[in-house]
Protein backbone atom coordinates (compact mmCIF):
# COMPACT_ATOMS: atom_id res chain seq x y z
CA MET A 1 -209.52 71.11 -47.55
CA THR A 2 -209.65 71.46 -51.52
CA ALA A 3 -207.58 70.48 -54.19
CA ASP A 4 -206.32 74.27 -54.71
CA THR A 5 -205.13 73.95 -51.10
CA LYS A 6 -203.48 71.79 -50.79
CA THR A 7 -201.60 72.49 -53.60
CA ASN A 8 -200.73 75.61 -52.52
CA ASN A 9 -199.72 74.25 -49.31
CA MET A 10 -197.10 71.54 -51.45
CA THR A 11 -195.68 74.58 -52.89
CA THR A 12 -195.31 76.44 -50.05
CA ASP A 13 -193.91 73.28 -48.67
CA ALA A 14 -191.40 72.82 -51.60
CA LEU A 15 -190.79 76.54 -51.81
CA ALA A 16 -190.01 76.10 -47.68
CA ARG A 17 -187.09 73.59 -48.63
CA GLN A 18 -185.43 75.65 -51.44
CA THR A 19 -184.77 78.02 -48.89
CA GLN A 20 -182.94 75.92 -46.32
CA ALA A 21 -179.21 75.27 -46.94
CA PRO A 22 -178.68 72.44 -49.40
CA ASN A 23 -177.77 68.87 -47.87
CA LEU A 24 -174.24 68.26 -48.57
CA VAL A 25 -173.16 64.80 -49.55
CA ASP A 26 -170.63 62.56 -51.04
CA VAL A 27 -172.36 60.80 -53.87
CA ALA A 28 -176.06 61.47 -54.46
CA ILE A 29 -177.74 58.32 -56.47
CA VAL A 30 -180.61 58.86 -59.04
CA GLY A 31 -182.76 56.03 -59.77
CA GLY A 32 -182.90 52.79 -57.31
CA ALA A 33 -183.77 49.74 -59.27
CA MET A 34 -180.97 47.21 -58.85
CA ALA A 35 -178.33 49.12 -60.40
CA GLY A 36 -178.80 52.34 -58.06
CA ALA A 37 -179.74 50.48 -55.12
CA THR A 38 -177.08 47.80 -55.27
CA LEU A 39 -174.44 50.53 -55.64
CA ALA A 40 -176.04 52.86 -52.76
CA LEU A 41 -175.21 49.51 -50.44
CA GLY A 42 -172.16 48.95 -51.50
CA LEU A 43 -170.70 52.54 -51.04
CA ARG A 44 -172.21 51.96 -47.43
CA ALA A 45 -170.35 48.42 -47.26
CA LEU A 46 -166.84 50.09 -48.56
CA SER A 47 -167.70 53.58 -46.34
CA GLU A 48 -167.91 50.68 -43.01
CA LYS A 49 -164.93 48.58 -44.52
CA LEU A 50 -162.08 51.50 -44.62
CA LYS A 51 -163.94 53.25 -41.89
CA ARG A 52 -163.77 56.69 -43.79
CA PRO A 53 -167.68 58.45 -43.48
CA LEU A 54 -169.27 58.36 -46.43
CA LYS A 55 -172.76 60.04 -46.55
CA ILE A 56 -174.85 58.87 -49.67
CA ALA A 57 -178.23 60.00 -51.04
CA LEU A 58 -180.88 57.62 -52.77
CA ILE A 59 -183.28 59.48 -55.52
CA GLU A 60 -186.09 57.12 -56.64
CA ALA A 61 -189.28 58.01 -57.37
CA HIS A 62 -191.23 54.44 -56.58
CA LYS A 63 -191.05 51.80 -53.87
CA PRO A 64 -190.53 47.94 -55.14
CA GLY A 65 -194.19 46.92 -56.79
CA SER A 66 -196.11 46.85 -59.87
CA GLU A 67 -195.29 50.70 -60.14
CA HIS A 68 -191.64 50.21 -60.32
CA PRO A 69 -190.34 50.02 -63.80
CA GLY A 70 -187.43 48.93 -62.56
CA PHE A 71 -188.66 46.28 -60.09
CA ASP A 72 -191.84 44.80 -61.71
CA ALA A 73 -192.96 41.24 -62.40
CA ARG A 74 -189.86 40.44 -64.92
CA SER A 75 -186.84 37.79 -63.64
CA ILE A 76 -183.82 38.35 -64.62
CA ALA A 77 -180.88 35.46 -64.72
CA ILE A 78 -177.90 36.63 -62.30
CA ALA A 79 -174.54 35.19 -63.58
CA HIS A 80 -171.78 33.19 -61.73
CA GLY A 81 -170.03 35.83 -61.64
CA SER A 82 -172.46 38.58 -60.74
CA ILE A 83 -173.22 36.71 -57.83
CA PHE A 84 -169.92 36.21 -56.66
CA GLU A 85 -169.94 40.23 -57.20
CA LEU A 86 -172.75 40.63 -55.37
CA LYS A 87 -171.16 38.10 -52.55
CA ARG A 88 -168.16 40.31 -52.34
CA LEU A 89 -170.53 43.34 -51.17
CA GLY A 90 -172.08 41.63 -48.62
CA LEU A 91 -175.81 41.83 -50.63
CA TRP A 92 -175.76 37.93 -51.91
CA SER A 93 -176.56 36.78 -48.64
CA LYS A 94 -179.76 38.68 -48.35
CA LEU A 95 -180.57 37.74 -52.03
CA ALA A 96 -179.82 34.09 -52.09
CA HIS A 97 -183.13 32.21 -51.05
CA LEU A 98 -185.20 34.42 -53.94
CA GLY A 99 -182.27 32.45 -55.88
CA THR A 100 -183.66 29.73 -58.97
CA PRO A 101 -180.27 28.00 -59.46
CA ILE A 102 -179.77 27.66 -63.56
CA GLU A 103 -177.61 24.33 -63.75
CA ASN A 104 -177.97 23.64 -67.55
CA ILE A 105 -178.58 25.75 -70.59
CA HIS A 106 -180.15 24.41 -73.64
CA ILE A 107 -179.27 26.11 -76.83
CA SER A 108 -181.27 25.04 -80.04
CA ASP A 109 -182.00 26.86 -83.43
CA ARG A 110 -185.51 25.92 -84.60
CA GLY A 111 -185.64 24.16 -87.59
CA HIS A 112 -181.95 23.56 -87.85
CA PHE A 113 -179.87 20.92 -86.53
CA GLY A 114 -178.02 23.34 -84.73
CA MET A 115 -178.14 23.25 -80.21
CA THR A 116 -175.48 22.38 -78.02
CA GLU A 117 -175.67 22.63 -74.42
CA LEU A 118 -173.80 23.94 -70.78
CA ASN A 119 -173.99 22.11 -68.06
CA ALA A 120 -172.72 23.26 -64.42
CA GLU A 121 -171.03 20.30 -64.02
CA ASP A 122 -168.42 20.00 -66.05
CA PHE A 123 -167.15 23.51 -65.34
CA HIS A 124 -167.29 21.82 -60.89
CA LEU A 125 -169.49 24.63 -60.35
CA GLN A 126 -172.76 24.04 -59.00
CA ASN A 127 -174.69 26.26 -61.05
CA LEU A 128 -174.17 28.91 -63.96
CA GLY A 129 -176.18 31.32 -62.00
CA GLN A 130 -179.43 32.15 -60.58
CA VAL A 131 -183.04 33.43 -61.40
CA VAL A 132 -184.35 36.31 -59.28
CA GLU A 133 -187.53 38.14 -59.36
CA LEU A 134 -187.38 41.44 -59.25
CA GLU A 135 -190.18 43.15 -57.34
CA ARG A 136 -188.90 40.60 -54.43
CA VAL A 137 -185.31 41.47 -54.73
CA GLY A 138 -186.45 44.92 -54.81
CA GLN A 139 -188.22 44.53 -51.42
CA VAL A 140 -185.45 43.66 -49.92
CA LEU A 141 -182.94 45.73 -51.34
CA PHE A 142 -185.39 48.54 -50.25
CA LYS A 143 -185.39 47.42 -46.43
CA GLN A 144 -181.68 47.22 -46.25
CA LEU A 145 -181.78 51.10 -47.62
CA GLU A 146 -184.70 52.13 -45.20
CA ALA A 147 -182.44 50.43 -42.42
CA SER A 148 -178.99 51.72 -43.03
CA ASP A 149 -178.28 55.88 -42.71
CA ILE A 150 -178.27 56.54 -46.46
CA GLN A 151 -180.57 59.52 -47.17
CA LEU A 152 -183.82 57.85 -49.25
CA HIS A 153 -185.70 60.03 -50.78
CA CYS A 154 -188.36 58.00 -51.99
CA PRO A 155 -190.78 58.89 -53.61
CA GLY A 156 -188.40 61.45 -54.86
CA ARG A 157 -187.91 63.29 -58.94
CA LEU A 158 -185.04 65.15 -59.88
CA THR A 159 -186.66 68.31 -61.31
CA HIS A 160 -183.49 70.27 -62.20
CA VAL A 161 -179.02 69.75 -61.49
CA GLU A 162 -176.97 72.47 -61.89
CA ALA A 163 -173.37 71.96 -62.92
CA GLN A 164 -171.50 73.80 -60.53
CA ALA A 165 -167.76 74.18 -59.86
CA ASP A 166 -167.10 72.05 -56.73
CA CYS A 167 -170.66 70.04 -56.98
CA GLN A 168 -173.78 68.89 -58.87
CA LEU A 169 -176.79 70.94 -57.23
CA LEU A 170 -180.00 68.58 -56.88
CA THR A 171 -183.59 69.99 -56.95
CA LEU A 172 -186.11 67.64 -56.12
CA ASN A 173 -190.16 67.89 -56.86
CA ASP A 174 -190.33 68.49 -52.69
CA GLY A 175 -187.98 71.31 -53.10
CA THR A 176 -185.57 69.85 -51.28
CA GLN A 177 -181.81 70.19 -52.44
CA ILE A 178 -178.85 68.02 -52.73
CA LYS A 179 -175.12 69.26 -53.19
CA THR A 180 -172.81 66.39 -54.15
CA ALA A 181 -169.24 65.88 -54.85
CA LEU A 182 -170.33 63.04 -57.32
CA LEU A 183 -173.42 62.38 -59.18
CA VAL A 184 -174.34 58.89 -60.41
CA ALA A 185 -177.43 58.48 -62.98
CA ALA A 186 -179.12 54.94 -62.66
CA ASP A 187 -181.90 56.01 -63.92
CA GLY A 188 -182.70 54.25 -67.06
CA VAL A 189 -182.40 54.71 -70.57
CA ASN A 190 -184.23 57.52 -70.80
CA SER A 191 -182.07 59.43 -67.97
CA ARG A 192 -183.25 62.85 -66.37
CA VAL A 193 -179.96 63.23 -65.91
CA ARG A 194 -178.62 62.12 -69.62
CA GLN A 195 -181.50 64.86 -70.80
CA ALA A 196 -180.97 67.74 -68.40
CA PHE A 197 -177.35 67.67 -69.63
CA ASN A 198 -178.20 67.51 -72.81
CA LEU A 199 -175.42 64.41 -73.88
CA PRO A 200 -175.61 62.21 -77.01
CA LEU A 201 -177.63 58.87 -76.53
CA GLU A 202 -176.94 56.34 -79.64
CA GLN A 203 -179.22 54.04 -80.84
CA MET A 204 -179.77 50.81 -82.87
CA ASP A 205 -183.50 49.36 -83.49
CA PHE A 206 -183.51 46.12 -83.90
CA ALA A 207 -187.04 46.52 -84.74
CA GLN A 208 -188.31 43.64 -82.52
CA VAL A 209 -190.50 43.89 -79.40
CA ALA A 210 -189.76 41.62 -76.06
CA LEU A 211 -192.79 40.22 -74.90
CA VAL A 212 -192.41 39.34 -71.25
CA ALA A 213 -194.59 36.03 -68.82
CA ASN A 214 -194.63 33.71 -66.29
CA VAL A 215 -195.77 30.18 -67.55
CA GLU A 216 -196.59 27.18 -65.96
CA THR A 217 -195.17 23.54 -67.34
CA ASP A 218 -196.80 20.53 -66.21
CA LYS A 219 -193.39 18.45 -65.41
CA PRO A 220 -190.29 20.26 -63.22
CA HIS A 221 -188.07 22.20 -64.96
CA ASP A 222 -184.58 20.60 -63.29
CA ASN A 223 -182.97 23.93 -63.13
CA TRP A 224 -183.03 23.96 -66.66
CA ALA A 225 -182.80 27.22 -69.11
CA PHE A 226 -182.98 27.46 -72.54
CA GLU A 227 -182.35 29.98 -75.91
CA ARG A 228 -184.36 29.01 -78.94
CA PHE A 229 -183.71 30.42 -81.97
CA THR A 230 -186.01 31.52 -84.03
CA ASN A 231 -186.82 33.73 -87.32
CA THR A 232 -188.18 36.50 -85.78
CA GLY A 233 -185.55 36.52 -82.50
CA PRO A 234 -184.66 34.52 -79.34
CA LEU A 235 -187.10 33.07 -77.66
CA ALA A 236 -185.51 32.34 -73.65
CA VAL A 237 -186.69 30.33 -71.04
CA LEU A 238 -185.58 30.31 -67.34
CA PRO A 239 -186.66 28.27 -64.43
CA MET A 240 -188.17 29.91 -61.60
CA ALA A 241 -189.21 28.63 -57.66
CA PRO A 242 -192.68 27.07 -58.12
CA LEU A 243 -195.72 28.80 -57.23
CA LYS A 244 -198.65 26.69 -54.86
CA GLY A 245 -196.60 23.48 -55.93
CA ASN A 246 -196.97 24.43 -59.65
CA SER A 247 -193.25 23.98 -61.66
CA ARG A 248 -193.14 28.20 -63.50
CA VAL A 249 -190.47 29.42 -66.09
CA SER A 250 -189.88 32.88 -66.90
CA LEU A 251 -190.46 33.75 -70.34
CA VAL A 252 -188.93 36.34 -72.88
CA TRP A 253 -189.95 36.17 -76.43
CA ALA A 254 -188.76 38.50 -79.05
CA LEU A 255 -190.67 38.77 -82.39
CA ASN A 256 -191.45 41.69 -84.46
CA PRO A 257 -193.82 44.52 -83.31
CA SER A 258 -197.72 43.31 -84.73
CA GLU A 259 -196.98 39.62 -84.12
CA ALA A 260 -195.62 40.76 -80.45
CA LYS A 261 -199.24 43.10 -79.99
CA ARG A 262 -201.11 39.88 -81.47
CA LEU A 263 -199.62 37.38 -79.19
CA GLN A 264 -200.20 39.95 -76.46
CA SER A 265 -203.86 40.37 -76.51
CA ALA A 266 -204.18 36.71 -77.51
CA ALA A 267 -207.08 34.40 -75.41
CA LYS A 268 -204.74 32.45 -73.23
CA ASP A 269 -205.21 29.08 -74.59
CA ASP A 270 -204.21 30.30 -78.16
CA PHE A 271 -201.41 32.05 -76.68
CA LEU A 272 -200.12 28.83 -75.45
CA SER A 273 -201.02 26.98 -78.30
CA GLU A 274 -198.31 29.39 -80.51
CA LEU A 275 -195.60 29.30 -78.00
CA GLN A 276 -195.61 25.66 -77.47
CA LYS A 277 -195.47 25.54 -81.43
CA ALA A 278 -192.44 28.03 -81.39
CA PHE A 279 -190.52 26.42 -78.51
CA GLY A 280 -191.15 22.71 -78.80
CA PHE A 281 -192.05 20.43 -75.21
CA ARG A 282 -188.26 20.31 -74.13
CA ALA A 283 -189.79 22.11 -71.06
CA GLY A 284 -193.36 20.19 -71.24
CA ARG A 285 -196.22 20.83 -71.56
CA PHE A 286 -197.21 24.65 -71.24
CA THR A 287 -200.09 24.81 -68.77
CA HIS A 288 -200.82 28.96 -68.00
CA VAL A 289 -199.91 32.02 -68.40
CA GLY A 290 -199.82 35.57 -66.02
CA GLU A 291 -200.05 38.75 -67.15
CA ARG A 292 -198.21 39.52 -69.97
CA PHE A 293 -195.55 43.00 -70.96
CA SER A 294 -193.99 43.60 -73.33
CA TYR A 295 -191.12 46.35 -74.12
CA PRO A 296 -189.21 47.34 -77.83
CA LEU A 297 -185.63 45.86 -77.86
CA LEU A 298 -183.06 48.61 -78.50
CA LEU A 299 -179.13 48.85 -78.08
CA SER A 300 -178.95 52.02 -76.64
CA HIS A 301 -175.87 53.20 -75.12
CA MET A 302 -173.59 56.45 -74.17
CA PRO A 303 -170.66 56.81 -76.38
CA ARG A 304 -168.80 58.68 -73.68
CA PRO A 305 -171.19 57.67 -70.27
CA ILE A 306 -169.29 60.66 -68.02
CA TYR A 307 -169.56 63.91 -67.64
CA HIS A 308 -168.66 67.22 -65.05
CA ARG A 309 -169.02 65.60 -62.13
CA THR A 310 -171.40 62.64 -63.17
CA VAL A 311 -171.32 59.22 -63.77
CA PHE A 312 -173.87 56.86 -65.43
CA ILE A 313 -174.18 52.57 -64.68
CA GLY A 314 -176.73 50.64 -66.18
CA ASN A 315 -179.25 51.43 -68.41
CA ALA A 316 -178.60 54.62 -68.15
CA ALA A 317 -175.24 54.02 -69.78
CA GLN A 318 -176.95 51.19 -71.75
CA THR A 319 -179.05 49.01 -72.45
CA LEU A 320 -179.10 45.55 -74.33
CA HIS A 321 -180.77 43.34 -76.34
CA PRO A 322 -181.96 40.64 -73.66
CA ILE A 323 -180.41 37.89 -75.87
CA ALA A 324 -177.94 36.59 -73.62
CA GLY A 325 -179.11 37.38 -70.75
CA GLN A 326 -176.52 40.36 -69.98
CA GLY A 327 -177.93 43.50 -69.05
CA PHE A 328 -177.47 43.61 -65.23
CA ASN A 329 -175.21 41.58 -65.29
CA LEU A 330 -173.16 44.48 -67.63
CA GLY A 331 -174.65 47.14 -65.68
CA LEU A 332 -173.02 45.74 -62.30
CA ARG A 333 -169.85 45.57 -63.41
CA ASP A 334 -170.37 49.59 -63.92
CA LEU A 335 -171.40 49.83 -60.34
CA VAL A 336 -168.61 47.47 -59.02
CA SER A 337 -165.88 49.45 -61.54
CA LEU A 338 -167.04 52.65 -59.72
CA LEU A 339 -166.68 51.30 -56.36
CA ASP A 340 -163.11 50.37 -57.39
CA VAL A 341 -162.24 53.69 -58.34
CA ILE A 342 -163.83 55.09 -55.29
CA LYS A 343 -161.89 52.22 -52.89
CA GLN A 344 -158.44 53.77 -54.64
CA THR A 345 -159.53 57.61 -54.68
CA LEU A 346 -159.84 57.31 -50.75
CA LEU A 347 -157.03 55.29 -49.77
CA THR A 348 -155.02 57.80 -52.23
CA GLU A 349 -156.33 61.34 -51.93
CA GLY A 350 -158.25 60.22 -48.03
CA SER A 351 -154.77 60.00 -46.78
CA SER A 352 -153.45 63.12 -47.20
CA LYS A 353 -156.51 65.01 -47.05
CA GLU A 354 -158.96 65.42 -45.19
CA VAL A 355 -161.75 64.38 -47.51
CA ALA A 356 -161.46 62.90 -50.95
CA ASP A 357 -162.65 64.38 -53.84
CA LEU A 358 -165.22 61.91 -55.41
CA GLY A 359 -166.24 63.77 -57.93
CA SER A 360 -162.86 65.24 -59.35
CA ALA A 361 -161.95 64.16 -62.71
CA ASN A 362 -159.34 62.05 -62.13
CA VAL A 363 -162.41 59.77 -60.80
CA THR A 364 -165.13 60.45 -63.88
CA HIS A 365 -161.79 59.46 -66.41
CA ASN A 366 -160.66 56.46 -64.21
CA TYR A 367 -163.88 55.17 -64.60
CA LEU A 368 -164.63 55.74 -68.18
CA LYS A 369 -161.21 54.46 -68.81
CA SER A 370 -162.07 51.06 -67.02
CA ARG A 371 -165.18 50.51 -68.67
CA GLU A 372 -164.37 50.90 -72.25
CA LYS A 373 -163.42 47.73 -73.34
CA ASP A 374 -165.82 45.54 -71.37
CA ARG A 375 -168.86 47.91 -72.36
CA ASN A 376 -167.60 47.84 -76.76
CA THR A 377 -166.68 43.85 -76.09
CA THR A 378 -170.29 43.60 -74.66
CA MET A 379 -172.16 45.76 -77.04
CA THR A 380 -170.46 44.11 -80.07
CA ASN A 381 -171.22 40.70 -79.29
CA ILE A 382 -174.94 41.48 -78.40
CA GLU A 383 -175.21 42.98 -81.65
CA PHE A 384 -174.00 39.81 -84.25
CA LEU A 385 -176.02 37.50 -81.83
CA VAL A 386 -178.80 39.51 -82.91
CA ARG A 387 -178.05 39.90 -86.68
CA GLY A 388 -176.74 36.29 -86.92
CA PHE A 389 -179.68 34.48 -85.05
CA SER A 390 -183.02 36.54 -86.58
CA ASN A 391 -182.87 36.07 -90.11
CA ASP A 392 -183.33 32.96 -92.53
CA TYR A 393 -180.56 33.92 -95.04
CA TRP A 394 -179.34 30.49 -95.53
CA PRO A 395 -175.19 30.89 -95.30
CA LEU A 396 -175.96 32.79 -91.94
CA VAL A 397 -178.43 29.49 -91.17
CA ALA A 398 -175.64 26.83 -91.65
CA GLY A 399 -173.04 29.14 -90.04
CA ARG A 400 -174.98 29.42 -86.56
CA SER A 401 -176.05 25.75 -86.64
CA LEU A 402 -172.51 24.46 -87.38
CA GLY A 403 -171.44 26.74 -85.29
CA LEU A 404 -173.76 25.81 -82.25
CA ARG A 405 -172.79 21.74 -83.53
CA LEU A 406 -169.16 22.39 -83.37
CA LEU A 407 -169.64 23.46 -79.65
CA SER A 408 -171.29 19.62 -78.58
CA TRP A 409 -168.65 17.93 -80.62
CA VAL A 410 -165.93 19.86 -79.34
CA PRO A 411 -166.68 20.26 -75.58
CA PRO A 412 -163.21 22.95 -74.84
CA LEU A 413 -164.69 25.41 -77.51
CA LYS A 414 -167.46 26.32 -74.66
CA ALA A 415 -165.18 27.78 -72.29
CA PRO A 416 -165.35 31.00 -74.35
CA VAL A 417 -169.62 30.32 -74.19
CA ALA A 418 -169.58 29.82 -70.72
CA ARG A 419 -167.45 32.56 -69.84
CA THR A 420 -170.00 34.86 -71.27
CA ALA A 421 -172.87 33.58 -70.08
CA MET A 422 -171.46 33.30 -66.63
CA GLY A 423 -169.23 36.89 -66.35
CA TRP A 424 -165.79 35.22 -65.54
CA LYS A 425 -162.79 36.56 -66.76
CA SER A 426 -161.53 33.45 -66.35
CA LEU A 427 -162.41 29.48 -65.78
CA SER A 428 -160.13 26.72 -64.35
């Protein structure tokens, strides 16, 4: 069969699908990385708990692996509060074996006297959070998706979306059409859904690039995480599960673009030497580095992460600088808020109607209202941290060093910092 024949057959198949009646679903999710996959499984659990059958579709271009931008070789820290929510959704029991606990966090300001620690035992906890590798998490989540009755379109790409009065009409690259009462965009900062509707996205360029890698050390990490502020930006080291008996940490290093480019292509020994110089020896000696990745650091957000019968969650709604490790944790709070709104809709509208309208203006606006304060506060705090800890302007250096020291000298001051780090609304 020639390439032209294959193309013609694919086109014929796509046209045949478009002549079929569209699939009718209650919720269609575009994007199946952490936020989208978690939401889909959370919706399925909610449907079963309330005994209200929901038709759910998930559209994702890649299965977990090196080609998947959301389930690649990076690691993320899942805050204590986020783990609580994942337990509530019934998902953490499937992921717990992949986690490496963070029991202590050391925060320091390179070249200055400011430093402090957060310790789980001070808050009567086993850990402050867990570090997971995204690719391994993705494989577990996709097994759950494939074993469910969720309509999983993978590989699948959204090629067209049409807003209609009572639904959003989606067309996929294979010609499949889906009519959904509620469309959820979980497709990242370059959201195709946002672009299709020409909705505004505000961005702030920090003129920094994150260099990401897994690094081996010559001594166990003992479940310590480190955040070290340098004149180019923060340098974070997170504990990971050992590999072949070797202690590993996950590195996120914020640099100016030219330095990031140089270090990404530098010889491994040269890279490790410069990393050691910037970080010091609190984590031991860095002995080996894996493949290095980089991505620009931006603060992006949609002023109104809703549209007609559409909501935006996770990185589609906002992307954060990794300085405080809050990206996924904020996105998880997005989807938990959406689940709560949907639950209330099912319990109220569904009691008097045969089927609740999950894409109504009440749903989208209640979601918007529920997320406003948390989003604004988190983004403001992140911008403050980046501006305050990424320069050598001496009044700021003195102020931040004193602030870090005060946290050590006056332990009660750590509670607000710990609440932010763990995603808790309150601490006993």
